[in-house]
Amino acid sequence: MAKKIVLAYSGGLDTSVAIAWLKETYKAEVIAFCADLGQGEELDPVEAKAIKTGASKAYVEDLREEFIRDYIFPMLRANAIYEGIYLLGTSIARPLIAKKQIDIAVKEGADAVSHGSTGKGNDQVRFELSYYALKPDIKVIAPWREWPFNSRESLIDYSEKHGIPVTATKAKPYSTDRNIFHISYEGGILEDPWAEPPQDMYTMMISPEKAPDKPTYIEIDYKEGNPVAINGEQLGPVALFEKLNKLAGENGIGRVDLVENRYVGMKSRGVYETPAGTVLHAAHRAVESLTLDREVLHLRDSLIPRYAELVYYGYWFAPEREIMQATIDNIQKDVTGTARLKLYKGSCSVAGRKSPLSLYHQELATFEAEKIYNQRDAEGFIKLNALRLKMRKLLRG
């Protein structure tokens, strides 16, 4: 039996119930850890709430800069998108939370860690793979796989019975997860994939229909694959995301509604808002289009689906992800320049790009007269590349 448990605590329904349940079931000391990843909420009351709910101690740490610098930026350098649409905002937060939990467990002499993820979801895998990668002998307790509750309604009943204050209600039982990169919505009224999400659900942006009728143009500067300035103003990681979330949100950019394939084997409907991330993805690819060699770009692009899977599945601390990251980061050394983007009613389009390291040669690419490229050379190039196609037809008839 565990004697001291470090719980990943959000102050929400699941983890609030988890404190009381862990104490009651394991007779153990529970230490709550809440990571400030830019939830946009006042986190000062979280510590008091954790103590009131039964935690012996509570840690609340501002991890926003580390989150962006060491987790979001590397992922954006890889242009990671899961199943062609999801920018991995929830997935990328889990390894950092897990890492800090293990740090606290070592500091406090705890023999176990715990989380509030369900036994059906991806997060349980992401947390636990990270725990074991960082501290192989740690004991992991997953309440959702043990306790008798089988729904959020039953959790609400338990919390009311034990006087645990929670914000979830039976009328709005969907689950949300927010950080500075995105917010996700799952469950409850969203479980019908045919039903359109209610407009009052969204929090990070206005609807595209209500966005300004005039487009907003912005410029984003990149240095070695990372965004460093907006409209010429140098900004740190947190300030950059805050400003870009506001600009993109005001223009209704970043909503995604998809049915995704969970790692555990089932399909799940998720709705996401990723305003800044959507713009940065487009801007990054624009600068890359100027600065990366064709074969290098194509090679990197071939890694995107696998890299995105590793993040989604929870293998951030796995050697294959680290090797891929080293390769990607080496490629990014020349990705320096500026992208100009047009934000308009939910769309983000590239309006221009420039770079001091550009490989684009205007005189060579022009349709007008030039003296660099001999068009007659193309004939031999085409015939050599057509040889196998001609032979296939000749031999097979």
Protein backbone atom coordinates (compact mmCIF):
# COMPACT_ATOMS: atom_id res chain seq x y z
CA MET A 1 0.00 0.00 0.00
CA ALA A 2 1.15 3.51 -0.79
CA LYS A 3 2.01 5.77 2.14
CA LYS A 4 2.41 9.10 0.35
CA ILE A 5 0.84 9.95 -3.02
CA VAL A 6 1.49 12.90 -5.33
CA LEU A 7 -1.70 13.62 -7.27
CA ALA A 8 -1.89 15.60 -10.52
CA TYR A 9 -4.57 18.02 -9.35
CA SER A 10 -6.61 20.49 -11.37
CA GLY A 11 -9.26 21.49 -8.87
CA GLY A 12 -11.93 19.99 -11.10
CA LEU A 13 -14.43 17.24 -10.42
CA ASP A 14 -12.32 14.12 -10.96
CA THR A 15 -9.23 15.16 -9.05
CA SER A 16 -11.20 16.79 -6.22
CA VAL A 17 -13.01 13.50 -5.64
CA ALA A 18 -9.68 11.69 -6.05
CA ILE A 19 -8.14 13.40 -3.00
CA ALA A 20 -10.94 12.24 -0.72
CA TRP A 21 -11.10 8.78 -2.31
CA LEU A 22 -7.33 8.17 -2.14
CA LYS A 23 -7.23 9.12 1.54
CA GLU A 24 -10.25 6.99 2.30
CA THR A 25 -9.09 3.95 0.30
CA TYR A 26 -5.32 3.93 0.84
CA LYS A 27 -5.13 5.65 4.24
CA ALA A 28 -2.28 7.59 2.71
CA GLU A 29 -1.05 11.18 2.75
CA VAL A 30 -2.02 12.96 -0.46
CA ILE A 31 0.03 15.83 -1.89
CA ALA A 32 -1.69 17.81 -4.63
CA PHE A 33 0.25 19.25 -7.55
CA CYS A 34 -1.34 21.79 -9.89
CA ALA A 35 0.60 22.95 -12.94
CA ASP A 36 -0.07 26.46 -14.21
CA LEU A 37 0.13 25.93 -17.96
CA GLY A 38 -1.80 29.06 -18.82
CA GLN A 39 -5.32 27.89 -18.00
CA GLY A 40 -6.42 31.50 -17.80
CA GLU A 41 -7.90 30.92 -14.37
CA GLU A 42 -7.05 32.30 -10.97
CA LEU A 43 -5.06 29.47 -9.42
CA ASP A 44 -4.54 30.97 -5.96
CA PRO A 45 -7.73 29.33 -4.62
CA VAL A 46 -6.62 25.92 -5.93
CA GLU A 47 -4.09 25.42 -3.14
CA ALA A 48 -6.65 26.25 -0.46
CA LYS A 49 -9.24 24.04 -2.12
CA ALA A 50 -6.85 21.09 -2.22
CA ILE A 51 -6.07 21.46 1.48
CA LYS A 52 -9.74 21.84 2.33
CA THR A 53 -10.55 18.72 0.33
CA GLY A 54 -7.98 16.71 2.28
CA ALA A 55 -4.51 17.18 0.80
CA SER A 56 -1.68 17.49 3.32
CA LYS A 57 0.20 19.87 1.05
CA ALA A 58 -0.37 21.53 -2.32
CA TYR A 59 2.08 22.71 -4.95
CA VAL A 60 1.00 25.25 -7.57
CA GLU A 61 3.80 25.98 -10.05
CA ASP A 62 3.91 28.43 -12.96
CA LEU A 63 5.27 26.30 -15.80
CA ARG A 64 4.09 28.40 -18.74
CA GLU A 65 7.49 29.40 -20.08
CA GLU A 66 8.97 25.92 -19.70
CA PHE A 67 5.87 24.45 -21.31
CA ILE A 68 6.18 26.63 -24.39
CA ARG A 69 9.97 26.58 -24.66
CA ASP A 70 10.66 22.88 -24.05
CA TYR A 71 7.44 21.21 -25.21
CA ILE A 72 5.28 23.35 -27.52
CA PHE A 73 8.10 24.90 -29.54
CA PRO A 74 9.82 21.57 -30.26
CA MET A 75 6.46 20.14 -31.35
CA LEU A 76 5.75 23.14 -33.59
CA ARG A 77 9.23 22.84 -35.13
CA ALA A 78 8.13 19.36 -36.18
CA ASN A 79 4.81 20.67 -37.62
CA ALA A 80 3.11 17.88 -35.69
CA ILE A 81 -0.57 17.27 -36.50
CA TYR A 82 -2.39 14.10 -35.49
CA GLU A 83 -4.63 12.59 -38.15
CA GLY A 84 -4.26 15.68 -40.31
CA ILE A 85 -6.18 18.07 -38.05
CA TYR A 86 -5.40 17.91 -34.29
CA LEU A 87 -2.56 20.15 -33.05
CA LEU A 88 -2.02 18.03 -29.90
CA GLY A 89 -2.72 20.68 -27.27
CA THR A 90 -3.77 18.25 -24.54
CA SER A 91 -1.22 15.58 -25.45
CA ILE A 92 1.81 17.86 -25.16
CA ALA A 93 0.93 19.02 -21.64
CA ARG A 94 1.02 15.56 -20.06
CA PRO A 95 4.77 14.82 -20.13
CA LEU A 96 5.59 18.09 -18.37
CA ILE A 97 2.98 17.52 -15.65
CA ALA A 98 4.25 13.98 -15.17
CA LYS A 99 7.86 15.19 -14.97
CA LYS A 100 7.03 17.70 -12.25
CA GLN A 101 5.03 15.08 -10.34
CA ILE A 102 8.05 12.80 -10.29
CA ASP A 103 10.27 15.71 -9.18
CA ILE A 104 7.91 16.38 -6.25
CA ALA A 105 7.65 12.68 -5.41
CA VAL A 106 11.44 12.48 -5.13
CA LYS A 107 11.60 15.70 -3.08
CA GLU A 108 8.81 14.61 -0.71
CA GLY A 109 9.86 10.97 -0.46
CA ALA A 110 6.53 9.82 -1.92
CA ASP A 111 6.23 6.24 -3.09
CA ALA A 112 3.30 6.76 -5.49
CA VAL A 113 1.81 9.15 -8.02
CA SER A 114 -1.76 9.44 -9.21
CA HIS A 115 -3.84 11.14 -11.89
CA GLY A 116 -7.51 11.73 -12.67
CA SER A 117 -7.58 10.25 -16.17
CA THR A 118 -10.26 7.74 -17.06
CA GLY A 119 -9.58 4.12 -17.98
CA LYS A 120 -10.94 4.76 -21.48
CA GLY A 121 -8.78 7.69 -22.48
CA ASN A 122 -5.35 8.57 -23.81
CA ASP A 123 -4.17 10.61 -20.82
CA GLN A 124 -3.73 7.61 -18.55
CA VAL A 125 -1.22 6.24 -21.07
CA ARG A 126 0.57 9.56 -21.49
CA PHE A 127 0.96 10.10 -17.76
CA GLU A 128 2.03 6.60 -16.92
CA LEU A 129 4.50 6.10 -19.77
CA SER A 130 6.14 9.33 -18.63
CA TYR A 131 6.17 8.27 -14.96
CA TYR A 132 7.86 4.97 -15.73
CA ALA A 133 10.33 6.52 -18.17
CA LEU A 134 11.46 8.98 -15.47
CA LYS A 135 11.22 6.78 -12.35
CA PRO A 136 10.88 3.08 -13.16
CA ASP A 137 10.16 2.02 -9.55
CA ILE A 138 7.30 4.47 -8.94
CA LYS A 139 3.89 3.09 -7.94
CA VAL A 140 1.03 4.43 -10.05
CA ILE A 141 -2.55 4.71 -8.79
CA ALA A 142 -5.29 5.40 -11.33
CA PRO A 143 -8.55 5.96 -9.38
CA TRP A 144 -10.78 5.71 -12.45
CA ARG A 145 -9.56 2.12 -12.93
CA GLU A 146 -10.28 1.23 -9.31
CA TRP A 147 -13.10 3.21 -7.77
CA PRO A 148 -16.79 2.24 -7.97
CA PHE A 149 -17.91 5.39 -9.78
CA ASN A 150 -18.85 4.81 -13.41
CA SER A 151 -19.90 8.26 -14.58
CA ARG A 152 -19.43 11.94 -13.91
CA GLU A 153 -22.93 12.01 -12.47
CA SER A 154 -21.88 9.51 -9.80
CA LEU A 155 -18.80 11.63 -9.06
CA ILE A 156 -21.00 14.68 -8.63
CA ASP A 157 -23.20 12.71 -6.21
CA TYR A 158 -20.08 11.67 -4.22
CA SER A 159 -18.75 15.23 -4.12
CA GLU A 160 -22.08 16.58 -2.90
CA LYS A 161 -22.27 13.88 -0.22
CA HIS A 162 -18.75 14.71 1.03
CA GLY A 163 -19.08 18.49 0.72
CA ILE A 164 -16.52 18.80 -2.06
CA PRO A 165 -17.08 22.00 -4.11
CA VAL A 166 -16.97 21.39 -7.88
CA THR A 167 -17.96 23.39 -10.97
CA ALA A 168 -19.25 20.54 -13.15
CA THR A 169 -23.02 20.02 -13.26
CA LYS A 170 -25.26 17.25 -14.51
CA ALA A 171 -26.66 19.69 -17.07
CA LYS A 172 -23.20 20.45 -18.51
CA PRO A 173 -21.10 17.39 -17.84
CA TYR A 174 -18.62 17.70 -20.71
CA SER A 175 -14.96 17.65 -19.80
CA THR A 176 -12.59 20.50 -20.63
CA ASP A 177 -8.82 20.82 -20.54
CA ARG A 178 -7.22 24.20 -21.07
CA ASN A 179 -3.69 25.53 -21.33
CA ILE A 180 -1.98 28.42 -23.09
CA PHE A 181 -1.90 26.41 -26.32
CA HIS A 182 -5.53 25.29 -26.53
CA ILE A 183 -8.73 24.13 -24.87
CA SER A 184 -10.47 20.80 -25.46
CA TYR A 185 -14.07 19.72 -24.95
CA GLU A 186 -15.17 16.10 -24.70
CA GLY A 187 -18.02 13.98 -23.39
CA GLY A 188 -21.57 14.76 -22.39
CA ILE A 189 -23.47 16.66 -25.03
CA LEU A 190 -20.58 16.20 -27.49
CA GLU A 191 -20.78 12.40 -27.56
CA ASP A 192 -23.20 12.52 -30.48
CA PRO A 193 -20.90 13.12 -33.49
CA TRP A 194 -23.86 14.42 -35.51
CA ALA A 195 -24.71 17.18 -33.01
CA GLU A 196 -23.23 20.64 -33.57
CA PRO A 197 -21.45 22.02 -30.49
CA PRO A 198 -23.39 24.75 -28.67
CA GLN A 199 -22.01 28.21 -29.37
CA ASP A 200 -21.92 29.13 -25.68
CA MET A 201 -19.41 26.34 -25.06
CA TYR A 202 -16.46 28.08 -26.70
CA THR A 203 -14.15 30.23 -24.58
CA MET A 204 -10.93 31.16 -26.40
CA MET A 205 -12.40 32.77 -29.51
CA ILE A 206 -15.48 34.32 -30.97
CA SER A 207 -17.39 32.59 -33.75
CA PRO A 208 -16.13 33.30 -37.29
CA GLU A 209 -19.55 34.77 -38.13
CA LYS A 210 -19.08 37.45 -35.46
CA ALA A 211 -15.45 38.21 -36.34
CA PRO A 212 -14.57 41.62 -37.82
CA ASP A 213 -15.54 42.28 -41.43
CA LYS A 214 -12.07 43.68 -42.10
CA PRO A 215 -9.03 41.32 -42.21
CA THR A 216 -6.16 41.64 -39.76
CA TYR A 217 -2.62 41.38 -41.16
CA ILE A 218 0.22 40.32 -38.89
CA GLU A 219 3.90 39.49 -39.32
CA ILE A 220 5.65 36.77 -37.32
CA ASP A 221 9.46 36.60 -37.20
CA TYR A 222 11.20 33.25 -36.85
CA LYS A 223 14.70 32.39 -35.73
CA GLU A 224 15.95 28.82 -36.18
CA GLY A 225 12.42 27.46 -36.29
CA ASN A 226 10.98 29.35 -33.30
CA PRO A 227 8.71 32.43 -33.37
CA VAL A 228 10.41 35.39 -31.69
CA ALA A 229 8.41 38.51 -32.65
CA ILE A 230 4.98 39.72 -33.74
CA ASN A 231 4.81 42.82 -35.97
CA GLY A 232 8.44 43.52 -35.22
CA GLU A 233 8.03 43.43 -31.44
CA GLN A 234 10.37 40.94 -29.76
CA LEU A 235 8.41 38.83 -27.28
CA GLY A 236 9.16 36.06 -24.83
CA PRO A 237 7.31 32.75 -25.24
CA VAL A 238 4.45 33.52 -22.83
CA ALA A 239 3.86 37.08 -24.04
CA LEU A 240 3.99 35.92 -27.65
CA PHE A 241 1.32 33.27 -27.08
CA GLU A 242 -0.90 35.61 -25.09
CA LYS A 243 -0.80 38.24 -27.82
CA LEU A 244 -1.31 35.78 -30.65
CA ASN A 245 -4.15 33.97 -28.85
CA LYS A 246 -5.90 37.34 -28.57
CA LEU A 247 -5.35 38.32 -32.21
CA ALA A 248 -6.39 34.92 -33.57
CA GLY A 249 -9.28 34.58 -31.12
CA GLU A 250 -10.70 37.95 -32.15
CA ASN A 251 -10.78 36.68 -35.73
CA GLY A 252 -12.40 33.34 -34.93
CA ILE A 253 -9.37 31.24 -35.87
CA GLY A 254 -8.50 27.82 -34.51
CA ARG A 255 -11.69 25.77 -34.02
CA VAL A 256 -11.55 22.07 -34.80
CA ASP A 257 -14.25 19.41 -34.46
CA LEU A 258 -13.14 15.85 -35.14
CA VAL A 259 -13.65 12.17 -34.44
CA GLU A 260 -10.20 10.87 -33.55
CA ASN A 261 -8.70 7.45 -32.98
CA ARG A 262 -7.62 7.03 -29.38
CA TYR A 263 -4.52 4.97 -28.61
CA VAL A 264 -6.58 2.56 -26.50
CA GLY A 265 -8.55 1.52 -29.58
CA MET A 266 -11.82 3.46 -29.67
CA LYS A 267 -12.98 6.49 -31.59
CA SER A 268 -13.75 9.69 -29.69
CA ARG A 269 -15.29 13.01 -30.64
CA GLY A 270 -13.29 16.01 -29.55
CA VAL A 271 -13.73 19.74 -30.09
CA TYR A 272 -10.70 22.01 -29.80
CA GLU A 273 -9.76 25.66 -29.90
CA THR A 274 -6.12 26.38 -30.78
CA PRO A 275 -5.91 30.02 -31.90
CA ALA A 276 -2.20 30.87 -31.63
CA GLY A 277 -1.11 27.35 -32.57
CA THR A 278 -3.12 27.43 -35.80
CA VAL A 279 -1.49 30.69 -36.87
CA LEU A 280 2.00 29.58 -35.88
CA HIS A 281 1.66 26.35 -37.83
CA ALA A 282 0.82 28.27 -41.00
CA ALA A 283 3.55 30.86 -40.40
CA HIS A 284 6.21 28.24 -39.74
CA ARG A 285 5.45 26.34 -42.92
CA ALA A 286 5.59 29.59 -44.87
CA VAL A 287 9.13 30.37 -43.69
CA GLU A 288 10.18 26.75 -44.25
CA SER A 289 8.97 26.94 -47.86
CA LEU A 290 11.66 29.54 -48.55
CA THR A 291 14.52 28.16 -46.49
CA LEU A 292 14.49 24.36 -46.67
CA ASP A 293 15.94 22.26 -49.47
CA ARG A 294 13.30 20.22 -51.31
CA GLU A 295 14.57 16.79 -50.28
CA VAL A 296 15.18 17.89 -46.68
CA LEU A 297 11.64 19.30 -46.49
CA HIS A 298 10.12 16.13 -47.94
CA LEU A 299 12.15 13.95 -45.60
CA ARG A 300 11.01 15.97 -42.60
CA ASP A 301 7.40 15.85 -43.77
CA SER A 302 7.60 12.07 -43.95
CA LEU A 303 8.37 12.09 -40.20
CA ILE A 304 5.34 14.19 -39.21
CA PRO A 305 2.74 11.39 -38.90
CA ARG A 306 5.04 9.24 -36.78
CA TYR A 307 6.18 12.15 -34.61
CA ALA A 308 2.56 13.22 -34.05
CA GLU A 309 1.64 9.66 -33.07
CA LEU A 310 4.44 9.57 -30.51
CA VAL A 311 3.17 12.78 -28.89
CA TYR A 312 -0.47 11.67 -29.03
CA TYR A 313 0.28 8.21 -27.64
CA GLY A 314 2.49 9.50 -24.82
CA TYR A 315 6.04 8.65 -25.88
CA TRP A 316 7.58 12.08 -25.32
CA PHE A 317 10.41 10.62 -23.23
CA ALA A 318 11.02 7.70 -25.60
CA PRO A 319 14.33 7.40 -27.48
CA GLU A 320 12.66 7.38 -30.91
CA ARG A 321 11.02 10.77 -30.25
CA GLU A 322 14.32 12.20 -29.00
CA ILE A 323 16.16 10.96 -32.08
CA MET A 324 13.52 12.40 -34.39
CA GLN A 325 13.64 15.70 -32.47
CA ALA A 326 17.41 15.94 -32.88
CA THR A 327 17.04 15.45 -36.63
CA ILE A 328 14.21 17.97 -36.90
CA ASP A 329 16.05 20.57 -34.81
CA ASN A 330 19.12 20.22 -37.00
CA ILE A 331 16.93 20.87 -40.04
CA GLN A 332 15.47 23.98 -38.36
CA LYS A 333 18.79 25.85 -38.14
CA ASP A 334 18.06 27.65 -41.41
CA VAL A 335 14.38 28.38 -40.71
CA THR A 336 14.80 32.08 -40.09
CA GLY A 337 12.60 34.73 -41.66
CA THR A 338 9.21 36.43 -41.55
CA ALA A 339 5.72 35.30 -42.50
CA ARG A 340 2.89 37.75 -43.18
CA LEU A 341 -0.56 36.36 -42.49
CA LYS A 342 -4.11 37.43 -43.17
CA LEU A 343 -6.58 36.65 -40.39
CA TYR A 344 -10.18 36.84 -41.50
CA LYS A 345 -13.39 35.25 -40.18
CA GLY A 346 -11.93 31.93 -39.11
CA SER A 347 -9.31 31.60 -41.85
CA CYS A 348 -5.57 32.10 -41.64
CA SER A 349 -3.83 32.49 -44.99
CA VAL A 350 -0.26 33.34 -45.87
CA ALA A 351 0.02 36.74 -47.52
CA GLY A 352 3.81 36.86 -47.83
CA ARG A 353 7.09 35.43 -46.67
CA LYS A 354 10.74 36.55 -46.69
CA SER A 355 14.05 35.33 -45.31
CA PRO A 356 17.73 36.31 -45.35
CA LEU A 357 18.42 32.60 -45.88
CA SER A 358 15.91 32.16 -48.69
CA LEU A 359 16.61 29.58 -51.39
CA TYR A 360 14.06 31.20 -53.67
CA HIS A 361 15.73 32.79 -56.71
CA GLN A 362 13.31 35.17 -58.40
CA GLU A 363 15.30 35.45 -61.62
CA LEU A 364 15.52 31.67 -61.90
CA ALA A 365 11.83 31.09 -61.17
CA THR A 366 10.47 33.83 -63.40
CA PHE A 367 8.35 33.18 -66.49
CA GLU A 368 10.01 36.18 -68.08
CA ALA A 369 13.30 36.20 -69.98
CA GLU A 370 16.38 35.08 -68.03
CA LYS A 371 19.87 33.71 -68.74
CA ILE A 372 20.37 31.14 -65.96
CA TYR A 373 18.20 28.20 -66.93
CA ASN A 374 18.50 26.45 -70.28
CA GLN A 375 15.06 25.10 -71.04
CA ARG A 376 16.48 22.57 -73.52
CA ASP A 377 18.06 20.73 -70.55
CA ALA A 378 14.59 19.68 -69.45
CA GLU A 379 14.23 17.36 -72.46
CA GLY A 380 16.95 14.96 -71.34
CA PHE A 381 15.76 15.16 -67.73
CA ILE A 382 12.24 14.14 -68.76
CA LYS A 383 13.39 11.33 -71.05
CA LEU A 384 15.61 9.80 -68.37
CA ASN A 385 12.79 9.88 -65.84
CA ALA A 386 10.35 8.46 -68.39
CA LEU A 387 12.61 5.52 -69.27
CA ARG A 388 11.17 3.08 -66.74
CA LEU A 389 7.63 4.08 -67.69
CA LYS A 390 8.34 3.47 -71.38
CA MET A 391 9.99 0.11 -70.68
CA ARG A 392 7.06 -1.03 -68.55
CA LYS A 393 4.63 -0.36 -71.39
CA LEU A 394 6.92 -1.88 -74.05
CA LEU A 395 7.51 -5.08 -72.10
CA ARG A 396 3.93 -5.59 -70.95
CA GLY A 397 2.18 -4.37 -74.05
